[in-house]
Structure formats: C-alpha cells, structure tokens
N, C-alpha and C. Protein backbone atom coordinates (compact mmCIF):
# COMPACT_ATOMS: atom_id res chain seq x y z
N MET A 1 22.58 -13.10 -20.60
CA MET A 1 22.54 -11.94 -20.64
C MET A 1 22.62 -10.99 -21.78
N SER A 2 21.83 -9.90 -22.03
CA SER A 2 22.16 -8.96 -22.76
C SER A 2 22.74 -8.11 -22.46
N ASP A 3 23.12 -6.85 -23.51
CA ASP A 3 23.98 -5.78 -23.05
C ASP A 3 23.23 -4.60 -22.40
N SER A 4 21.79 -5.53 -22.56
CA SER A 4 20.56 -4.28 -22.03
C SER A 4 20.88 -4.94 -20.30
N ASP A 5 21.39 -6.04 -19.84
CA ASP A 5 21.90 -5.48 -18.35
C ASP A 5 22.63 -4.96 -17.74
N ASP A 6 23.57 -4.58 -18.24
CA ASP A 6 24.61 -4.12 -18.26
C ASP A 6 25.16 -2.75 -18.06
N VAL A 7 23.67 -2.17 -18.03
CA VAL A 7 22.92 -0.88 -18.49
C VAL A 7 23.28 -0.19 -16.77
N PRO A 8 24.27 1.47 -16.60
CA PRO A 8 23.64 1.38 -15.09
C PRO A 8 22.72 2.62 -14.45
N TYR A 9 21.82 1.83 -13.72
CA TYR A 9 20.88 2.65 -13.31
C TYR A 9 21.17 3.23 -12.07
N GLN A 10 20.83 5.31 -12.02
CA GLN A 10 21.70 6.05 -10.80
C GLN A 10 19.90 5.98 -9.84
N TYR A 11 20.64 6.08 -8.53
CA TYR A 11 19.28 6.35 -7.49
C TYR A 11 20.12 7.30 -6.94
N ARG A 12 19.13 7.66 -6.09
CA ARG A 12 19.35 8.60 -4.79
C ARG A 12 19.02 8.52 -3.75
N PHE A 13 19.07 8.32 -2.90
CA PHE A 13 18.55 8.37 -1.54
C PHE A 13 18.55 9.60 -0.43
N SER A 14 16.96 9.61 0.14
CA SER A 14 16.88 10.99 0.90
C SER A 14 17.51 10.72 1.75
N GLU A 15 18.66 9.95 2.26
CA GLU A 15 19.42 10.14 3.44
C GLU A 15 20.43 8.97 2.87
N PRO A 16 21.80 9.09 3.53
CA PRO A 16 22.55 8.10 3.54
C PRO A 16 22.07 6.43 4.02
N ILE A 17 22.57 5.56 3.59
CA ILE A 17 22.32 4.18 4.47
C ILE A 17 23.90 3.54 4.36
N ASP A 18 23.74 2.84 5.52
CA ASP A 18 24.91 1.94 5.53
C ASP A 18 24.76 0.42 5.46
N LEU A 19 24.93 0.01 3.87
CA LEU A 19 24.27 -0.87 3.52
C LEU A 19 24.92 -2.20 4.34
N PRO A 20 26.01 -2.39 4.56
CA PRO A 20 26.64 -3.44 5.17
C PRO A 20 25.21 -4.08 6.46
N ALA A 21 25.48 -2.36 7.30
CA ALA A 21 24.56 -2.37 8.43
C ALA A 21 22.78 -3.03 7.83
N LYS A 22 22.64 -2.96 6.97
CA LYS A 22 21.14 -2.93 6.38
C LYS A 22 20.97 -4.21 5.87
N LEU A 23 22.34 -5.20 5.38
CA LEU A 23 22.37 -6.42 4.35
C LEU A 23 22.25 -7.24 5.56
N GLU A 24 23.19 -7.43 6.38
CA GLU A 24 23.91 -8.37 7.30
C GLU A 24 22.66 -8.82 8.20
N PRO A 25 21.87 -7.97 8.74
CA PRO A 25 20.61 -8.44 10.07
C PRO A 25 19.48 -9.34 8.85
N VAL A 26 19.36 -8.83 7.55
CA VAL A 26 18.26 -9.76 6.20
C VAL A 26 18.75 -10.83 6.31
N GLY A 27 19.91 -11.36 6.16
CA GLY A 27 20.68 -12.01 5.61
C GLY A 27 20.94 -12.14 3.72
N ILE A 28 20.78 -10.59 3.68
CA ILE A 28 21.72 -11.09 2.09
C ILE A 28 22.39 -11.14 2.03
N GLN A 29 23.66 -11.84 1.17
CA GLN A 29 24.56 -11.71 0.95
C GLN A 29 25.38 -10.35 -0.17
N PHE A 30 26.20 -10.39 0.58
CA PHE A 30 27.11 -8.92 -0.32
C PHE A 30 28.94 -9.31 -0.11
N LEU A 31 29.59 -8.78 -1.23
CA LEU A 31 31.13 -8.74 -1.13
C LEU A 31 31.27 -7.21 -1.23
N PRO A 32 32.12 -6.62 -0.41
CA PRO A 32 32.40 -5.84 -0.36
C PRO A 32 33.70 -5.74 -1.78
N VAL A 33 33.87 -4.10 -2.64
CA VAL A 33 34.97 -4.58 -3.58
C VAL A 33 35.31 -2.92 -3.25
N GLY A 34 36.15 -3.14 -2.04
CA GLY A 34 36.72 -1.71 -2.25
C GLY A 34 35.74 -0.81 -1.22
N GLN A 35 36.08 0.42 -0.76
CA GLN A 35 35.26 1.21 0.44
C GLN A 35 33.70 2.02 -0.97
N SER A 36 33.73 1.88 -2.24
CA SER A 36 32.58 2.30 -2.59
C SER A 36 31.77 1.42 -4.01
N ARG A 37 32.13 0.07 -3.79
CA ARG A 37 31.62 -0.54 -4.52
C ARG A 37 31.42 -2.14 -3.58
N VAL A 38 29.97 -2.49 -3.88
CA VAL A 38 29.58 -4.13 -3.05
C VAL A 38 28.67 -4.81 -4.46
N ILE A 39 29.04 -6.35 -4.23
CA ILE A 39 28.39 -6.97 -5.24
C ILE A 39 27.70 -7.36 -4.23
N VAL A 40 26.08 -8.02 -4.61
CA VAL A 40 24.85 -8.13 -3.88
C VAL A 40 24.53 -9.19 -4.66
N ILE A 41 24.00 -10.47 -3.86
CA ILE A 41 23.00 -11.28 -4.46
C ILE A 41 22.06 -11.17 -3.43
N PHE A 42 20.69 -10.92 -4.37
CA PHE A 42 19.21 -10.36 -3.68
C PHE A 42 18.82 -11.16 -4.71
N SER A 43 17.80 -12.17 -4.02
CA SER A 43 16.82 -13.08 -4.64
C SER A 43 16.78 -14.02 -5.86
N ASN A 44 17.80 -14.48 -5.71
CA ASN A 44 19.10 -14.82 -6.91
C ASN A 44 19.37 -14.44 -8.03
N GLY A 45 19.72 -13.50 -7.69
CA GLY A 45 19.68 -12.16 -8.62
C GLY A 45 21.32 -11.91 -8.23
N ILE A 46 22.05 -11.09 -9.22
CA ILE A 46 23.08 -10.16 -9.07
C ILE A 46 22.97 -8.78 -9.01
N LEU A 47 23.49 -8.27 -8.01
CA LEU A 47 23.16 -6.53 -8.45
C LEU A 47 25.32 -5.95 -8.15
N ASP A 48 25.06 -5.07 -8.80
CA ASP A 48 26.76 -4.45 -8.89
C ASP A 48 26.31 -3.17 -8.30
N LEU A 49 26.83 -2.72 -7.03
CA LEU A 49 26.19 -1.48 -6.19
C LEU A 49 27.70 -0.36 -6.20
N GLU A 50 27.40 0.68 -7.11
CA GLU A 50 29.08 1.36 -7.03
C GLU A 50 28.75 2.88 -6.95
N CYS A 51 28.83 3.36 -5.88
CA CYS A 51 28.70 4.88 -4.72
C CYS A 51 29.67 6.15 -5.83
N THR A 52 28.18 6.46 -6.15
CA THR A 52 28.96 7.69 -6.63
C THR A 52 29.09 8.94 -5.93
N GLU A 53 28.85 9.47 -4.61
CA GLU A 53 28.87 10.00 -3.84
C GLU A 53 28.84 8.77 -2.33
N GLY A 54 30.18 9.13 -1.64
CA GLY A 54 29.73 8.24 0.01
C GLY A 54 30.38 7.10 -0.10
N THR A 55 30.28 6.01 0.67
CA THR A 55 31.14 4.74 0.96
C THR A 55 29.82 4.03 1.26
N ILE A 56 30.35 2.81 1.09
CA ILE A 56 28.99 1.13 0.97
C ILE A 56 28.58 1.89 2.70
N SER A 57 29.11 1.98 3.57
CA SER A 57 28.83 2.34 4.72
C SER A 57 27.87 3.66 4.79
N GLN A 58 27.76 4.98 4.23
CA GLN A 58 27.45 6.16 4.42
C GLN A 58 26.65 6.13 2.52
N ILE A 59 26.25 5.50 1.76
CA ILE A 59 25.90 5.83 0.37
C ILE A 59 24.69 6.56 0.45
N THR A 60 24.86 7.82 -0.31
CA THR A 60 23.25 8.22 -0.84
C THR A 60 23.09 8.23 -2.25
N ARG A 61 24.02 7.51 -3.09
CA ARG A 61 23.85 7.91 -4.86
C ARG A 61 24.62 6.80 -5.08
N PRO A 62 23.54 5.48 -5.18
CA PRO A 62 24.39 4.43 -5.82
C PRO A 62 24.12 4.51 -7.44
N GLN A 63 25.28 3.80 -7.86
CA GLN A 63 24.66 2.83 -9.51
C GLN A 63 24.63 1.88 -9.54
N ILE A 64 23.74 1.04 -9.88
CA ILE A 64 23.03 -0.10 -9.88
C ILE A 64 23.02 -0.82 -11.21
N THR A 65 23.98 -1.78 -11.28
CA THR A 65 23.96 -2.53 -12.97
C THR A 65 23.36 -3.96 -12.23
N VAL A 66 22.48 -4.72 -13.26
CA VAL A 66 22.09 -5.73 -13.10
C VAL A 66 22.57 -6.62 -13.65
N PHE A 67 24.20 -8.03 -13.23
CA PHE A 67 24.80 -8.39 -13.70
C PHE A 67 24.24 -9.86 -14.24
N GLU A 68 23.02 -10.45 -12.83
CA GLU A 68 22.11 -11.35 -13.33
C GLU A 68 20.32 -11.41 -13.15
N LEU A 69 19.48 -11.23 -13.54
CA LEU A 69 18.40 -10.86 -12.88
C LEU A 69 17.92 -12.62 -12.18
N PRO A 70 16.97 -12.99 -11.75
CA PRO A 70 16.65 -13.83 -11.13
C PRO A 70 16.22 -14.74 -11.98
N THR A 71 16.21 -16.13 -12.17
CA THR A 71 15.51 -17.14 -12.97
C THR A 71 14.08 -17.00 -12.64
N ASN A 72 13.76 -16.50 -11.74
CA ASN A 72 11.95 -16.67 -11.42
C ASN A 72 11.48 -15.23 -11.79
N MET A 73 12.39 -14.28 -12.47
CA MET A 73 11.38 -13.22 -12.43
C MET A 73 10.61 -13.13 -14.14
N ARG A 74 9.95 -13.13 -14.25
CA ARG A 74 8.85 -13.29 -15.62
C ARG A 74 9.01 -12.56 -16.05
N ILE A 75 9.33 -11.93 -17.27
CA ILE A 75 9.26 -10.77 -18.48
C ILE A 75 7.78 -11.11 -19.22
N ASP A 76 7.07 -11.56 -19.42
CA ASP A 76 6.14 -11.58 -20.11
C ASP A 76 6.09 -10.96 -21.03
N ASP A 77 5.11 -9.59 -21.42
CA ASP A 77 4.94 -8.61 -22.41
C ASP A 77 5.92 -7.52 -22.05
N ARG A 78 7.01 -7.54 -21.10
CA ARG A 78 7.43 -6.27 -20.31
C ARG A 78 8.86 -6.28 -21.09
N THR A 79 9.28 -5.14 -21.64
CA THR A 79 10.74 -5.32 -21.39
C THR A 79 12.04 -5.62 -20.69
N GLU A 80 12.86 -5.86 -20.96
CA GLU A 80 13.65 -6.10 -20.08
C GLU A 80 14.06 -5.11 -19.17
N GLU A 81 14.23 -3.81 -19.67
CA GLU A 81 14.44 -2.87 -18.84
C GLU A 81 13.50 -2.44 -18.01
N GLU A 82 12.36 -2.77 -18.34
CA GLU A 82 11.21 -2.79 -17.28
C GLU A 82 11.44 -3.66 -16.01
N VAL A 83 11.97 -5.19 -16.55
CA VAL A 83 12.07 -5.98 -15.82
C VAL A 83 13.14 -5.64 -14.51
N THR A 84 14.12 -5.52 -15.46
CA THR A 84 15.09 -5.11 -14.91
C THR A 84 15.28 -3.76 -13.61
N ILE A 85 14.14 -3.18 -13.71
CA ILE A 85 14.34 -1.78 -12.82
C ILE A 85 13.28 -2.20 -11.86
N GLU A 86 12.07 -2.83 -12.41
CA GLU A 86 11.37 -3.58 -10.87
C GLU A 86 12.47 -4.56 -9.96
N TYR A 87 12.96 -5.14 -10.62
CA TYR A 87 13.93 -6.23 -10.08
C TYR A 87 14.87 -5.09 -8.76
N ILE A 88 15.41 -4.18 -9.65
CA ILE A 88 16.64 -3.25 -8.64
C ILE A 88 15.36 -2.60 -8.00
N GLU A 89 13.94 -2.13 -7.82
CA GLU A 89 13.64 -1.51 -6.96
C GLU A 89 12.59 -2.35 -5.81
N LYS A 90 12.83 -3.55 -6.64
CA LYS A 90 12.40 -4.58 -5.20
C LYS A 90 13.44 -5.15 -4.19
N PHE A 91 14.92 -4.42 -4.20
CA PHE A 91 15.62 -4.75 -3.80
C PHE A 91 15.90 -3.73 -2.88
N LEU A 92 15.71 -2.34 -3.06
CA LEU A 92 15.72 -0.85 -2.72
C LEU A 92 14.57 -0.83 -2.00
N ASP A 93 13.80 -1.64 -2.24
CA ASP A 93 12.31 -1.61 -1.31
C ASP A 93 12.65 -2.18 0.19
N GLN A 94 13.36 -3.45 0.11
CA GLN A 94 13.94 -4.19 1.07
C GLN A 94 15.23 -3.35 1.87
N LEU A 95 16.00 -2.76 1.14
CA LEU A 95 17.05 -1.73 1.79
C LEU A 95 16.65 -0.56 2.46
N THR A 96 15.07 -0.39 2.13
CA THR A 96 14.68 0.94 2.67
C THR A 96 13.16 0.48 4.06
N PHE A 97 12.87 -0.62 3.64
CA PHE A 97 12.01 -1.41 4.60
C PHE A 97 12.20 -0.80 5.98
N GLY A 98 11.14 -0.17 6.86
CA GLY A 98 11.17 0.41 8.12
C GLY A 98 11.85 1.64 8.43
N THR A 99 12.28 2.40 7.80
CA THR A 99 12.58 3.85 7.58
C THR A 99 11.80 4.42 6.82
N ASP A 100 12.12 6.03 7.28
CA ASP A 100 11.62 7.16 6.35
C ASP A 100 12.41 7.66 5.12
N ILE A 101 13.39 6.27 4.53
CA ILE A 101 14.43 6.57 3.73
C ILE A 101 13.56 6.87 2.25
N ASP A 102 13.80 7.71 1.44
CA ASP A 102 13.29 7.41 0.35
C ASP A 102 14.27 7.49 -0.73
N TYR A 103 13.54 6.74 -1.78
CA TYR A 103 14.84 7.11 -3.23
C TYR A 103 13.90 7.20 -4.39
N GLU A 104 15.10 7.81 -5.54
CA GLU A 104 14.56 8.38 -6.76
C GLU A 104 15.33 7.58 -7.83
N ASN A 105 14.87 7.48 -9.06
CA ASN A 105 15.40 7.05 -10.17
C ASN A 105 16.19 8.57 -10.57
N GLU A 106 17.62 8.58 -11.01
CA GLU A 106 18.09 9.63 -11.47
C GLU A 106 17.77 9.42 -13.10
N LYS A 107 17.96 8.30 -13.30
CA LYS A 107 17.74 8.20 -15.09
C LYS A 107 18.98 8.96 -15.73
C-alpha cells in the first residue's frame, strides 16, 4: 500500500445514517473504535470511517480512509486515487441502497 492510500476523503450524507443498523443486516463486518470511528471490511478491503459530525449511529460527514484496497480491484490505466474513490463510492452505494439518502464527495 502506498502513501496515497492513506489520504482521507470527506463525504457528506443528505441525512444521518446509522452505520451499525445498515451494516449488520447485509453482513458487512465492522469494528467500532469509540463513538466516532469504525473500521469496515468491505469486499475484501479495509476502510476507516471517522465521523467529523455525529457518531457512528448518526453519521452525516464521514472522513473515509482506505487502509487496503480489495485484491480484485483492477487499476488498469487508472490512477490509484481513481480506484480508491471507486471503492469508497461502491461502499457508499451499498450503504445508501434502498434509501433516499444521497452522498457527495467534499474533497
């Protein structure tokens, strides 16, 4: 993993999300680290979500760092940053699936 993997990406949800309530039913493994941080294993990769507003049960602005990309993510002719953002947004799509909640990258 290179240093660019350790860059946090800031997102904003249109409404608060209860992370444990969304992750548990779909079998996504996670480890809470206090009230404002959670480590998530998603599609064989590892994400670190830190709440910049709210708690993990009412998160509105997650700061997301990819600790490890899934081994099956192909970089091809894309940059590592593009692949990292694709992975994060694949996770966020899963998180917001079936809701009216939107998200945006605040860069």
